[in-house]
Amino acid sequence: MSAEPVRLLLADDHPVVRAGLRAVLDTEPDFRVVAEAATAEEAVARAAAGGLDVVLMDLQFGAGMHGAQATAAITAAPDAPRVLILTTYDSDADILAAVEAGAAGYLLKDAPPEELAAAVRTAAAGRSALAPAVAHRLMDRMRTPAQALTKRELEVLQLVGEGLSNAEISKRLFLSQATVKSHLVHIYAKLGVDSRTAAVAAATARRLIRR
């Protein structure tokens, strides 16, 4: 008797991307795409309804909940499906947020079809599936922990890069302005810079934060 197919949910706000993923995954005899979601909220609701093994989750959904938040909500439930991040972003900030949220794997959208299929099977089997480039970035962080920005420092720096002031960052992250300033002092020291502009430029060049 043949094994049950891996039941998939495709969560991405671009219909063309979902159609392309479905076309690739439908060629695999042991996969079955059972649902699609155009928003992160939809993905959480569909995952809660059950009958899924793996969720392919984008990170960016425009307004509303983003992929890492949805991943945390899905994986917090008992008997939750595994969540495999499939995104165009490979910054440290994005990778750490996804891993901390409970993602079983992290792949980039330019991965070849066979790599995607292998990652889905790996996630469905309960193991971690990281793109080689992503695994390499995580290993680099582990080798030089004193120089690596923490998840909170990356969050602060990402918002600096988006043009937010210290006061706006403190409101967004529920931190005091003194704490935000303290994070910036540590960020400057780790990056070897002395200004917000230089910090953003250095972090962007090193793909620590998203452009």
Protein backbone atom coordinates (compact mmCIF):
# COMPACT_ATOMS: atom_id res chain seq x y z
CA MET A 1 0.00 0.00 0.00
CA SER A 2 1.41 3.42 -0.95
CA ALA A 3 2.15 6.08 1.68
CA GLU A 4 -0.20 9.00 2.15
CA PRO A 5 0.77 12.08 0.12
CA VAL A 6 2.30 15.12 1.85
CA ARG A 7 -0.55 17.65 2.15
CA LEU A 8 0.53 21.21 1.40
CA LEU A 9 -0.72 24.74 1.96
CA LEU A 10 0.76 27.49 -0.25
CA ALA A 11 0.79 30.86 1.54
CA ASP A 12 1.85 33.76 -0.69
CA ASP A 13 0.14 37.03 -1.61
CA HIS A 14 1.08 36.76 -5.30
CA PRO A 15 -1.30 34.55 -7.33
CA VAL A 16 1.36 34.03 -10.02
CA VAL A 17 3.84 32.72 -7.42
CA ARG A 18 1.21 30.35 -5.98
CA ALA A 19 0.36 29.10 -9.48
CA GLY A 20 4.04 28.51 -10.25
CA LEU A 21 4.58 26.65 -6.98
CA ARG A 22 1.51 24.53 -7.56
CA ALA A 23 2.71 23.64 -11.07
CA VAL A 24 6.09 22.52 -9.70
CA LEU A 25 4.73 20.63 -6.71
CA ASP A 26 1.94 18.92 -8.65
CA THR A 27 4.59 17.07 -10.68
CA GLU A 28 5.64 15.19 -7.53
CA PRO A 29 3.46 12.08 -7.05
CA ASP A 30 3.83 12.15 -3.25
CA PHE A 31 2.66 15.77 -2.85
CA ARG A 32 -0.87 17.15 -2.81
CA VAL A 33 -1.58 20.89 -2.68
CA VAL A 34 -4.80 21.00 -0.66
CA ALA A 35 -5.12 24.75 -0.03
CA GLU A 36 -3.80 28.22 -0.81
CA ALA A 37 -3.74 31.42 1.25
CA ALA A 38 -3.24 34.98 0.02
CA THR A 39 -2.68 36.46 3.50
CA ALA A 40 -0.80 35.35 6.60
CA GLU A 41 -4.04 35.49 8.61
CA GLU A 42 -5.69 33.15 6.10
CA ALA A 43 -2.75 30.75 6.40
CA VAL A 44 -3.07 30.64 10.21
CA ALA A 45 -6.81 29.98 10.00
CA ARG A 46 -6.40 27.25 7.37
CA ALA A 47 -3.59 25.57 9.32
CA ALA A 48 -5.78 25.56 12.44
CA ALA A 49 -8.50 23.72 10.48
CA GLY A 50 -6.16 20.72 10.16
CA GLY A 51 -5.46 18.25 7.38
CA LEU A 52 -2.04 19.70 6.49
CA ASP A 53 1.50 18.40 6.77
CA VAL A 54 3.61 21.30 5.47
CA VAL A 55 2.91 25.02 4.98
CA LEU A 56 5.04 26.86 2.39
CA MET A 57 5.12 30.37 3.85
CA ASP A 58 6.24 33.64 2.30
CA LEU A 59 7.61 36.27 4.71
CA GLN A 60 6.14 39.46 3.28
CA PHE A 61 2.39 39.88 2.83
CA GLY A 62 1.97 43.65 2.55
CA ALA A 63 -0.37 44.97 5.23
CA GLY A 64 -1.27 42.90 8.27
CA MET A 65 0.52 39.92 9.79
CA HIS A 66 3.83 38.87 8.26
CA GLY A 67 5.18 35.40 7.66
CA ALA A 68 7.25 35.03 10.83
CA GLN A 69 4.25 36.00 12.99
CA ALA A 70 2.06 33.53 11.12
CA THR A 71 4.71 30.83 11.54
CA ALA A 72 4.78 31.39 15.31
CA ALA A 73 0.97 31.23 15.48
CA ILE A 74 0.83 28.01 13.42
CA THR A 75 3.67 26.16 15.18
CA ALA A 76 2.34 27.02 18.65
CA ALA A 77 -0.69 24.77 18.12
CA PRO A 78 -0.61 21.07 19.08
CA ASP A 79 -0.10 18.69 16.12
CA ALA A 80 0.77 21.70 13.96
CA PRO A 81 1.97 21.26 10.37
CA ARG A 82 5.62 22.02 9.67
CA VAL A 83 6.29 25.49 8.24
CA LEU A 84 8.83 25.91 5.44
CA ILE A 85 9.72 29.54 4.69
CA LEU A 86 9.98 30.27 0.97
CA THR A 87 11.07 33.85 0.37
CA THR A 88 13.28 36.20 -1.62
CA TYR A 89 14.87 37.59 1.58
CA ASP A 90 18.06 36.16 3.06
CA SER A 91 19.00 38.80 5.64
CA ASP A 92 20.05 37.74 9.15
CA ALA A 93 17.05 39.65 10.54
CA ASP A 94 14.58 37.61 8.45
CA ILE A 95 16.31 34.26 9.00
CA LEU A 96 16.53 34.67 12.79
CA ALA A 97 12.91 35.81 13.07
CA ALA A 98 11.72 32.76 11.10
CA VAL A 99 13.87 30.24 12.99
CA GLU A 100 12.81 31.71 16.34
CA ALA A 101 9.17 31.51 15.23
CA GLY A 102 9.53 27.75 14.77
CA ALA A 103 10.09 27.37 11.02
CA ALA A 104 11.23 23.88 10.04
CA GLY A 105 13.17 25.23 7.08
CA TYR A 106 14.15 28.31 5.10
CA LEU A 107 14.47 28.32 1.31
CA LEU A 108 14.90 31.08 -1.24
CA LYS A 109 12.46 31.38 -4.14
CA ASP A 110 15.21 30.87 -6.70
CA ALA A 111 15.82 27.33 -5.39
CA PRO A 112 15.65 24.70 -8.16
CA PRO A 113 12.52 22.47 -8.17
CA GLU A 114 14.41 19.41 -6.94
CA GLU A 115 15.77 21.37 -3.95
CA LEU A 116 12.27 22.59 -3.12
CA ALA A 117 10.84 19.06 -3.31
CA ALA A 118 13.65 17.70 -1.13
CA ALA A 119 13.08 20.46 1.45
CA VAL A 120 9.34 19.70 1.60
CA ARG A 121 10.04 16.00 2.19
CA THR A 122 12.67 16.83 4.83
CA ALA A 123 10.28 19.17 6.67
CA ALA A 124 7.43 16.65 6.44
CA ALA A 125 9.73 14.04 8.02
CA GLY A 126 10.30 16.32 11.00
CA ARG A 127 13.82 17.45 10.15
CA SER A 128 15.29 20.88 9.42
CA ALA A 129 15.59 22.05 5.82
CA LEU A 130 17.84 25.06 5.34
CA ALA A 131 19.08 26.42 2.01
CA PRO A 132 22.89 26.09 1.89
CA ALA A 133 23.35 29.88 1.88
CA VAL A 134 21.07 30.23 4.91
CA ALA A 135 22.86 27.46 6.83
CA HIS A 136 26.17 29.19 5.99
CA ARG A 137 24.94 32.51 7.44
CA LEU A 138 23.78 30.83 10.66
CA MET A 139 27.13 29.04 10.98
CA ASP A 140 28.98 32.35 10.53
CA ARG A 141 26.93 33.86 13.38
CA MET A 142 27.81 30.93 15.64
CA ARG A 143 31.53 31.22 14.83
CA THR A 144 31.71 34.92 15.77
CA PRO A 145 29.02 35.44 18.45
CA ALA A 146 30.68 38.55 19.91
CA GLN A 147 30.43 40.35 16.56
CA ALA A 148 26.96 39.08 15.61
CA LEU A 149 24.04 41.45 16.10
CA THR A 150 21.33 40.04 18.37
CA LYS A 151 17.79 39.59 17.08
CA ARG A 152 16.69 42.74 18.96
CA GLU A 153 19.62 44.76 17.57
CA LEU A 154 18.69 43.62 14.07
CA GLU A 155 15.07 44.68 14.66
CA VAL A 156 16.20 48.13 15.82
CA LEU A 157 18.58 48.51 12.87
CA GLN A 158 15.94 47.38 10.37
CA LEU A 159 13.63 50.16 11.63
CA VAL A 160 16.48 52.70 11.50
CA GLY A 161 16.93 51.64 7.88
CA GLU A 162 13.24 52.30 7.28
CA GLY A 163 13.73 55.89 8.49
CA LEU A 164 12.18 55.66 11.95
CA SER A 165 13.39 57.92 14.76
CA ASN A 166 14.41 56.59 18.19
CA ALA A 167 11.04 57.69 19.58
CA GLU A 168 9.18 55.85 16.80
CA ILE A 169 11.33 52.72 17.28
CA SER A 170 10.67 52.73 21.03
CA LYS A 171 6.91 52.81 20.38
CA ARG A 172 7.05 50.12 17.68
CA LEU A 173 9.14 47.70 19.78
CA PHE A 174 7.72 48.67 23.21
CA LEU A 175 11.15 49.73 24.47
CA SER A 176 12.28 52.86 26.32
CA GLN A 177 14.20 55.40 24.26
CA ALA A 178 17.20 54.80 26.55
CA THR A 179 17.11 51.10 25.61
CA VAL A 180 16.95 51.97 21.90
CA LYS A 181 19.99 54.25 22.31
CA SER A 182 21.82 51.48 24.18
CA HIS A 183 21.11 49.04 21.33
CA LEU A 184 22.43 51.58 18.82
CA VAL A 185 25.66 52.02 20.82
CA HIS A 186 26.21 48.23 20.70
CA ILE A 187 25.32 48.11 16.99
CA TYR A 188 27.82 50.89 16.15
CA ALA A 189 30.57 49.11 18.12
CA LYS A 190 29.93 45.74 16.44
CA LEU A 191 29.80 47.24 12.95
CA GLY A 192 32.72 49.64 13.53
CA VAL A 193 30.69 52.73 12.58
CA ASP A 194 29.69 55.99 14.28
CA SER A 195 26.39 57.02 12.70
CA ARG A 196 22.93 55.72 11.80
CA THR A 197 23.62 56.14 8.07
CA ALA A 198 26.90 54.24 8.25
CA ALA A 199 25.30 51.49 10.36
CA VAL A 200 22.50 50.98 7.82
CA ALA A 201 24.98 51.01 4.91
CA ALA A 202 27.27 48.46 6.59
CA ALA A 203 24.40 46.18 7.65
CA THR A 204 22.82 46.30 4.20
CA ALA A 205 26.12 45.49 2.51
CA ARG A 206 26.56 42.48 4.81
CA ARG A 207 22.92 41.41 4.30
CA LEU A 208 22.16 41.71 8.01
CA ILE A 209 19.01 43.68 7.27
CA ARG A 210 16.64 43.88 4.33
CA ARG A 211 17.15 46.59 1.73
